[in-house]
Amino acid sequence: MRISGINIPDNKRIEIALTYIYGIGRSLSCFILEKTGIDLNKRAKDLTSEEVSKIKEFVEKNYKIEGELRQTIKQNINLLKEIQAYRGVRHSRHLPVRGQRTKTNSRTVRGNVRKTAGSGKRKVELK
């Protein structure tokens, strides 16, 4: 079964299978199934073509998913960068955007990668 170019797994419940689409999470998938009148516990392989088309139509009409959503997010980030907003600057420097600390965490982003977790002291050789 394919919805908006994504293969949905057959053996999973449709509630979970819909979450394989970018932009649809658990709560939204439950809401979609409730609005289209499809049982949450039904397996994806057991859906009729009519039910699949109901889901496709509802999702395409009401939500941005996959490429369209990714494109919108990218445009929003580029806008923040252009107007030199704080969040845009953080994005462009590849630093945490949402207020996380950087003194101890985000080492890989800053380029301070420690290979081993040693004590930091060098052992003094005995003479």
Protein backbone atom coordinates (compact mmCIF):
# COMPACT_ATOMS: atom_id res chain seq x y z
CA MET A 1 0.00 0.00 0.00
CA ARG A 2 1.33 3.44 -0.93
CA ILE A 3 0.23 6.81 0.38
CA SER A 4 1.91 9.92 -1.05
CA GLY A 5 4.82 7.88 -2.42
CA ILE A 6 5.59 6.04 0.83
CA ASN A 7 5.30 2.28 1.19
CA ILE A 8 3.30 1.55 4.30
CA PRO A 9 4.14 -1.73 6.11
CA ASP A 10 1.42 -4.37 5.68
CA ASN A 11 1.72 -6.28 8.94
CA LYS A 12 1.37 -3.32 11.30
CA ARG A 13 -1.85 -1.82 12.62
CA ILE A 14 -2.95 1.08 10.44
CA GLU A 15 -2.64 3.46 13.41
CA ILE A 16 1.11 2.73 13.55
CA ALA A 17 1.61 2.25 9.81
CA LEU A 18 0.47 5.80 9.03
CA THR A 19 3.27 7.19 11.21
CA TYR A 20 5.78 6.03 8.58
CA ILE A 21 4.72 9.11 6.60
CA TYR A 22 6.77 12.22 7.43
CA GLY A 23 4.49 14.70 9.18
CA ILE A 24 2.05 12.17 10.65
CA GLY A 25 2.52 11.07 14.26
CA ARG A 26 0.48 8.83 16.56
CA SER A 27 -2.11 11.39 17.61
CA LEU A 28 -2.63 12.68 14.07
CA SER A 29 -2.96 9.15 12.69
CA CYS A 30 -5.64 8.37 15.31
CA PHE A 31 -7.46 11.59 14.39
CA ILE A 32 -7.32 10.78 10.66
CA LEU A 33 -8.69 7.28 11.20
CA GLU A 34 -11.43 8.60 13.48
CA LYS A 35 -12.51 11.18 10.87
CA THR A 36 -12.48 8.63 8.02
CA GLY A 37 -14.32 6.05 10.12
CA ILE A 38 -11.70 3.29 9.97
CA ASP A 39 -10.95 0.95 12.88
CA LEU A 40 -7.62 1.68 14.60
CA ASN A 41 -6.85 -1.99 15.19
CA LYS A 42 -7.18 -3.03 11.56
CA ARG A 43 -4.00 -4.21 9.84
CA ALA A 44 -2.78 -2.25 6.82
CA LYS A 45 -3.05 -5.31 4.57
CA ASP A 46 -6.73 -5.76 5.53
CA LEU A 47 -7.80 -2.31 4.28
CA THR A 48 -10.03 -2.15 1.24
CA SER A 49 -9.10 0.09 -1.68
CA GLU A 50 -12.05 2.33 -0.74
CA GLU A 51 -10.66 2.87 2.77
CA VAL A 52 -7.19 3.58 1.40
CA SER A 53 -8.57 6.19 -0.99
CA LYS A 54 -10.52 7.79 1.91
CA ILE A 55 -7.30 8.15 3.90
CA LYS A 56 -5.37 9.52 0.91
CA GLU A 57 -8.02 12.12 0.11
CA PHE A 58 -8.38 13.26 3.73
CA VAL A 59 -4.63 13.61 4.23
CA GLU A 60 -3.97 15.37 0.92
CA LYS A 61 -6.82 17.82 1.48
CA ASN A 62 -6.05 18.76 5.08
CA TYR A 63 -2.31 18.31 5.81
CA LYS A 64 1.13 19.02 4.43
CA ILE A 65 3.20 15.84 4.42
CA GLU A 66 6.49 14.52 3.05
CA GLY A 67 8.17 16.80 0.46
CA GLU A 68 5.80 19.73 0.86
CA LEU A 69 6.30 19.80 4.64
CA ARG A 70 10.09 19.44 4.37
CA GLN A 71 10.15 22.29 1.84
CA THR A 72 8.09 24.54 4.13
CA ILE A 73 10.38 23.84 7.09
CA LYS A 74 13.47 24.55 4.97
CA GLN A 75 11.95 27.86 3.79
CA ASN A 76 11.19 28.88 7.38
CA ILE A 77 14.78 28.16 8.45
CA ASN A 78 16.17 30.09 5.47
CA LEU A 79 13.94 33.05 6.36
CA LEU A 80 15.33 33.04 9.91
CA LYS A 81 18.86 33.00 8.48
CA GLU A 82 18.13 35.87 6.07
CA ILE A 83 16.69 38.20 8.71
CA GLN A 84 19.62 37.35 11.01
CA ALA A 85 17.34 36.19 13.81
CA TYR A 86 19.04 34.48 16.76
CA ARG A 87 17.59 31.11 15.78
CA GLY A 88 18.75 31.62 12.21
CA VAL A 89 22.29 32.39 13.34
CA ARG A 90 22.31 29.25 15.48
CA HIS A 91 21.12 27.20 12.50
CA SER A 92 23.82 28.62 10.24
CA ARG A 93 26.55 27.91 12.82
CA HIS A 94 25.19 24.37 13.36
CA LEU A 95 24.69 24.96 17.08
CA PRO A 96 21.70 23.99 19.24
CA VAL A 97 18.76 26.25 18.47
CA ARG A 98 16.39 25.68 21.36
CA GLY A 99 18.41 26.86 24.32
CA GLN A 100 20.38 23.74 25.13
CA ARG A 101 23.67 24.17 26.92
CA THR A 102 26.86 23.94 24.89
CA LYS A 103 29.53 23.95 27.59
CA THR A 104 29.34 20.22 28.20
CA ASN A 105 27.01 18.83 25.56
CA SER A 106 27.01 19.20 21.76
CA ARG A 107 30.72 18.36 21.61
CA THR A 108 30.50 16.85 18.16
CA VAL A 109 28.91 20.00 16.81
CA ARG A 110 31.68 22.17 18.24
CA GLY A 111 34.40 19.84 16.99
CA ASN A 112 35.59 18.84 20.47
CA VAL A 113 35.30 15.08 20.18
CA ARG A 114 36.88 12.95 22.88
CA LYS A 115 37.75 9.46 21.74
CA THR A 116 38.18 7.81 25.14
CA ALA A 117 36.73 8.54 28.53
CA GLY A 118 40.03 8.75 30.44
CA SER A 119 40.72 10.71 33.60
CA GLY A 120 42.48 13.41 31.61
CA LYS A 121 45.76 13.12 33.54
CA ARG A 122 48.86 11.66 31.96
CA LYS A 123 50.59 8.95 33.89
CA VAL A 124 54.00 9.98 35.20
CA GLU A 125 56.76 7.54 34.28
CA LEU A 126 58.81 6.20 37.17
CA LYS A 127 62.58 6.89 36.97
